[in-house]
Amino acid sequence: MYEQDSLSALDAITEAQRIAFAPMLFQTALCLRNAGVLSYLDRQGKHGATLAD
């Protein structure tokens, strides 16, 4: 039976937003991968890339 909330209201909202935005974050990562952006950044190593690159 339900007796007590295991999360505060703020924690519950945070978890709900995480679930709601996960598909958009996944699609963003997929687009970056398909466009070659992630592999380019990986090749840049620890120095990363600038906006001019």
PDB file of N, CA and C in Angstrom:
ATOM      1  N   MET A   1       0.826  -1.182   0.000  1.00  0.00           N
ATOM      2  CA  MET A   1       0.000   0.000   0.000  1.00  0.00           C
ATOM      3  C   MET A   1       0.872   1.248   0.000  1.00  0.00           C
ATOM      4  N   TYR A   2       0.294   2.279  -0.517  1.00  0.00           N
ATOM      5  CA  TYR A   2       0.963   3.578  -0.546  1.00  0.00           C
ATOM      6  C   TYR A   2       0.850   4.225   0.825  1.00  0.00           C
ATOM      7  N   GLU A   3       1.998   4.595   1.393  1.00  0.00           N
ATOM      8  CA  GLU A   3       1.978   5.222   2.709  1.00  0.00           C
ATOM      9  C   GLU A   3       2.643   6.591   2.732  1.00  0.00           C
ATOM     10  N   GLN A   4       3.749   6.730   1.995  1.00  0.00           N
ATOM     11  CA  GLN A   4       4.512   7.968   2.107  1.00  0.00           C
ATOM     12  C   GLN A   4       5.258   8.218   0.802  1.00  0.00           C
ATOM     13  N   ASP A   5       5.428   9.500   0.461  1.00  0.00           N
ATOM     14  CA  ASP A   5       6.209   9.866  -0.716  1.00  0.00           C
ATOM     15  C   ASP A   5       7.682   9.599  -0.451  1.00  0.00           C
ATOM     16  N   SER A   6       8.341   9.003  -1.427  1.00  0.00           N
ATOM     17  CA  SER A   6       9.780   8.774  -1.276  1.00  0.00           C
ATOM     18  C   SER A   6      10.589   9.960  -1.800  1.00  0.00           C
ATOM     19  N   LEU A   7       9.932  10.862  -2.542  1.00  0.00           N
ATOM     20  CA  LEU A   7      10.601  12.040  -3.096  1.00  0.00           C
ATOM     21  C   LEU A   7       9.884  13.307  -2.650  1.00  0.00           C
ATOM     22  N   SER A   8      10.647  14.370  -2.552  1.00  0.00           N
ATOM     23  CA  SER A   8      10.013  15.668  -2.301  1.00  0.00           C
ATOM     24  C   SER A   8       9.337  16.118  -3.594  1.00  0.00           C
ATOM     25  N   ALA A   9       8.516  17.145  -3.505  1.00  0.00           N
ATOM     26  CA  ALA A   9       7.832  17.653  -4.695  1.00  0.00           C
ATOM     27  C   ALA A   9       8.840  18.131  -5.731  1.00  0.00           C
ATOM     28  N   LEU A  10       9.886  18.808  -5.287  1.00  0.00           N
ATOM     29  CA  LEU A  10      10.910  19.290  -6.213  1.00  0.00           C
ATOM     30  C   LEU A  10      11.638  18.134  -6.889  1.00  0.00           C
ATOM     31  N   ASP A  11      11.965  17.091  -6.128  1.00  0.00           N
ATOM     32  CA  ASP A  11      12.622  15.922  -6.714  1.00  0.00           C
ATOM     33  C   ASP A  11      11.704  15.213  -7.703  1.00  0.00           C
ATOM     34  N   ALA A  12      10.421  15.146  -7.403  1.00  0.00           N
ATOM     35  CA  ALA A  12       9.463  14.504  -8.312  1.00  0.00           C
ATOM     36  C   ALA A  12       9.351  15.279  -9.618  1.00  0.00           C
ATOM     37  N   ILE A  13       9.325  16.604  -9.538  1.00  0.00           N
ATOM     38  CA  ILE A  13       9.272  17.429 -10.750  1.00  0.00           C
ATOM     39  C   ILE A  13      10.536  17.243 -11.574  1.00  0.00           C
ATOM     40  N   THR A  14      11.681  17.202 -10.906  1.00  0.00           N
ATOM     41  CA  THR A  14      12.954  17.000 -11.600  1.00  0.00           C
ATOM     42  C   THR A  14      12.966  15.669 -12.339  1.00  0.00           C
ATOM     43  N   GLU A  15      12.505  14.621 -11.696  1.00  0.00           N
ATOM     44  CA  GLU A  15      12.459  13.304 -12.337  1.00  0.00           C
ATOM     45  C   GLU A  15      11.470  13.286 -13.499  1.00  0.00           C
ATOM     46  N   ALA A  16      10.336  13.955 -13.352  1.00  0.00           N
ATOM     47  CA  ALA A  16       9.350  14.022 -14.437  1.00  0.00           C
ATOM     48  C   ALA A  16       9.921  14.755 -15.641  1.00  0.00           C
ATOM     49  N   GLN A  17      10.658  15.828 -15.404  1.00  0.00           N
ATOM     50  CA  GLN A  17      11.281  16.561 -16.510  1.00  0.00           C
ATOM     51  C   GLN A  17      12.356  15.721 -17.185  1.00  0.00           C
ATOM     52  N   ARG A  18      13.088  14.965 -16.405  1.00  0.00           N
ATOM     53  CA  ARG A  18      14.116  14.083 -16.982  1.00  0.00           C
ATOM     54  C   ARG A  18      13.481  13.078 -17.935  1.00  0.00           C
ATOM     55  N   ILE A  19      12.369  12.510 -17.523  1.00  0.00           N
ATOM     56  CA  ILE A  19      11.660  11.549 -18.373  1.00  0.00           C
ATOM     57  C   ILE A  19      11.100  12.244 -19.616  1.00  0.00           C
ATOM     58  N   ALA A  20      10.551  13.440 -19.442  1.00  0.00           N
ATOM     59  CA  ALA A  20       9.925  14.155 -20.556  1.00  0.00           C
ATOM     60  C   ALA A  20      10.942  14.602 -21.601  1.00  0.00           C
ATOM     61  N   PHE A  21      12.129  15.018 -21.171  1.00  0.00           N
ATOM     62  CA  PHE A  21      13.112  15.563 -22.104  1.00  0.00           C
ATOM     63  C   PHE A  21      14.076  14.515 -22.661  1.00  0.00           C
ATOM     64  N   ALA A  22      14.074  13.321 -22.131  1.00  0.00           N
ATOM     65  CA  ALA A  22      15.002  12.285 -22.585  1.00  0.00           C
ATOM     66  C   ALA A  22      14.908  12.017 -24.090  1.00  0.00           C
ATOM     67  N   PRO A  23      13.718  11.907 -24.684  1.00  0.00           N
ATOM     68  CA  PRO A  23      13.661  11.665 -26.133  1.00  0.00           C
ATOM     69  C   PRO A  23      14.289  12.789 -26.952  1.00  0.00           C
ATOM     70  N   MET A  24      14.128  14.034 -26.508  1.00  0.00           N
ATOM     71  CA  MET A  24      14.723  15.160 -27.245  1.00  0.00           C
ATOM     72  C   MET A  24      16.241  15.139 -27.140  1.00  0.00           C
ATOM     73  N   LEU A  25      16.750  14.808 -25.967  1.00  0.00           N
ATOM     74  CA  LEU A  25      18.200  14.710 -25.802  1.00  0.00           C
ATOM     75  C   LEU A  25      18.763  13.582 -26.661  1.00  0.00           C
ATOM     76  N   PHE A  26      18.035  12.472 -26.729  1.00  0.00           N
ATOM     77  CA  PHE A  26      18.470  11.356 -27.562  1.00  0.00           C
ATOM     78  C   PHE A  26      18.518  11.765 -29.030  1.00  0.00           C
ATOM     79  N   GLN A  27      17.476  12.433 -29.516  1.00  0.00           N
ATOM     80  CA  GLN A  27      17.440  12.859 -30.913  1.00  0.00           C
ATOM     81  C   GLN A  27      18.546  13.862 -31.220  1.00  0.00           C
ATOM     82  N   THR A  28      18.847  14.739 -30.273  1.00  0.00           N
ATOM     83  CA  THR A  28      19.938  15.695 -30.453  1.00  0.00           C
ATOM     84  C   THR A  28      21.265  14.974 -30.596  1.00  0.00           C
ATOM     85  N   ALA A  29      21.513  14.012 -29.715  1.00  0.00           N
ATOM     86  CA  ALA A  29      22.759  13.245 -29.789  1.00  0.00           C
ATOM     87  C   ALA A  29      22.839  12.472 -31.103  1.00  0.00           C
ATOM     88  N   LEU A  30      21.730  11.933 -31.550  1.00  0.00           N
ATOM     89  CA  LEU A  30      21.692  11.192 -32.809  1.00  0.00           C
ATOM     90  C   LEU A  30      22.020  12.104 -33.990  1.00  0.00           C
ATOM     91  N   CYS A  31      21.457  13.300 -34.007  1.00  0.00           N
ATOM     92  CA  CYS A  31      21.740  14.265 -35.079  1.00  0.00           C
ATOM     93  C   CYS A  31      23.203  14.684 -35.070  1.00  0.00           C
ATOM     94  N   LEU A  32      23.754  14.927 -33.887  1.00  0.00           N
ATOM     95  CA  LEU A  32      25.174  15.291 -33.790  1.00  0.00           C
ATOM     96  C   LEU A  32      26.059  14.157 -34.296  1.00  0.00           C
ATOM     97  N   ARG A  33      25.696  12.924 -33.972  1.00  0.00           N
ATOM     98  CA  ARG A  33      26.468  11.774 -34.450  1.00  0.00           C
ATOM     99  C   ARG A  33      26.371  11.648 -35.966  1.00  0.00           C
ATOM    100  N   ASN A  34      25.153  11.738 -36.498  1.00  0.00           N
ATOM    101  CA  ASN A  34      24.952  11.567 -37.936  1.00  0.00           C
ATOM    102  C   ASN A  34      25.606  12.677 -38.748  1.00  0.00           C
ATOM    103  N   ALA A  35      25.715  13.866 -38.175  1.00  0.00           N
ATOM    104  CA  ALA A  35      26.345  14.993 -38.868  1.00  0.00           C
ATOM    105  C   ALA A  35      27.866  14.968 -38.741  1.00  0.00           C
ATOM    106  N   GLY A  36      28.394  14.046 -37.952  1.00  0.00           N
ATOM    107  CA  GLY A  36      29.839  13.934 -37.796  1.00  0.00           C
ATOM    108  C   GLY A  36      30.425  14.861 -36.740  1.00  0.00           C
ATOM    109  N   VAL A  37      29.575  15.574 -36.030  1.00  0.00           N
ATOM    110  CA  VAL A  37      30.065  16.529 -35.030  1.00  0.00           C
ATOM    111  C   VAL A  37      30.739  15.803 -33.872  1.00  0.00           C
ATOM    112  N   LEU A  38      30.152  14.728 -33.405  1.00  0.00           N
ATOM    113  CA  LEU A  38      30.729  14.010 -32.271  1.00  0.00           C
ATOM    114  C   LEU A  38      32.080  13.397 -32.612  1.00  0.00           C
ATOM    115  N   SER A  39      32.212  12.822 -33.801  1.00  0.00           N
ATOM    116  CA  SER A  39      33.503  12.244 -34.177  1.00  0.00           C
ATOM    117  C   SER A  39      34.550  13.331 -34.370  1.00  0.00           C
ATOM    118  N   TYR A  40      34.142  14.492 -34.888  1.00  0.00           N
ATOM    119  CA  TYR A  40      35.072  15.614 -35.033  1.00  0.00           C
ATOM    120  C   TYR A  40      35.579  16.063 -33.667  1.00  0.00           C
ATOM    121  N   LEU A  41      34.670  16.226 -32.724  1.00  0.00           N
ATOM    122  CA  LEU A  41      35.075  16.643 -31.383  1.00  0.00           C
ATOM    123  C   LEU A  41      35.951  15.592 -30.716  1.00  0.00           C
ATOM    124  N   ASP A  42      35.676  14.333 -30.983  1.00  0.00           N
ATOM    125  CA  ASP A  42      36.502  13.257 -30.431  1.00  0.00           C
ATOM    126  C   ASP A  42      37.919  13.326 -30.978  1.00  0.00           C
ATOM    127  N   ARG A  43      38.058  13.642 -32.256  1.00  0.00           N
ATOM    128  CA  ARG A  43      39.392  13.750 -32.864  1.00  0.00           C
ATOM    129  C   ARG A  43      40.165  14.949 -32.326  1.00  0.00           C
ATOM    130  N   GLN A  44      39.474  15.967 -31.835  1.00  0.00           N
ATOM    131  CA  GLN A  44      40.147  17.156 -31.311  1.00  0.00           C
ATOM    132  C   GLN A  44      40.811  16.893 -29.965  1.00  0.00           C
ATOM    133  N   GLY A  45      40.441  15.837 -29.304  1.00  0.00           N
ATOM    134  CA  GLY A  45      41.062  15.470 -28.034  1.00  0.00           C
ATOM    135  C   GLY A  45      40.681  16.407 -26.900  1.00  0.00           C
ATOM    136  N   LYS A  46      41.602  16.533 -25.952  1.00  0.00           N
ATOM    137  CA  LYS A  46      41.330  17.321 -24.746  1.00  0.00           C
ATOM    138  C   LYS A  46      41.224  18.809 -25.029  1.00  0.00           C
ATOM    139  N   HIS A  47      41.805  19.273 -26.122  1.00  0.00           N
ATOM    140  CA  HIS A  47      41.781  20.700 -26.435  1.00  0.00           C
ATOM    141  C   HIS A  47      40.422  21.144 -26.965  1.00  0.00           C
ATOM    142  N   GLY A  48      39.636  20.221 -27.482  1.00  0.00           N
ATOM    143  CA  GLY A  48      38.311  20.562 -27.986  1.00  0.00           C
ATOM    144  C   GLY A  48      38.375  21.373 -29.267  1.00  0.00           C
ATOM    145  N   ALA A  49      37.308  22.066 -29.568  1.00  0.00           N
ATOM    146  CA  ALA A  49      37.217  22.860 -30.790  1.00  0.00           C
ATOM    147  C   ALA A  49      36.674  24.242 -30.445  1.00  0.00           C
ATOM    148  N   THR A  50      36.997  25.198 -31.291  1.00  0.00           N
ATOM    149  CA  THR A  50      36.475  26.551 -31.111  1.00  0.00           C
ATOM    150  C   THR A  50      35.271  26.743 -32.026  1.00  0.00           C
ATOM    151  N   LEU A  51      34.558  27.817 -31.845  1.00  0.00           N
ATOM    152  CA  LEU A  51      33.419  28.107 -32.716  1.00  0.00           C
ATOM    153  C   LEU A  51      33.868  28.334 -34.151  1.00  0.00           C
ATOM    154  N   ALA A  52      35.073  28.853 -34.335  1.00  0.00           N
ATOM    155  CA  ALA A  52      35.582  29.104 -35.683  1.00  0.00           C
ATOM    156  C   ALA A  52      35.829  27.798 -36.439  1.00  0.00           C
ATOM    157  N   ASP A  53      36.129  26.722 -35.715  1.00  0.00           N
ATOM    158  CA  ASP A  53      36.368  25.425 -36.360  1.00  0.00           C
ATOM    159  C   ASP A  53      35.072  24.918 -36.947  1.00  0.00           C
TER     160      ASP A  53
END
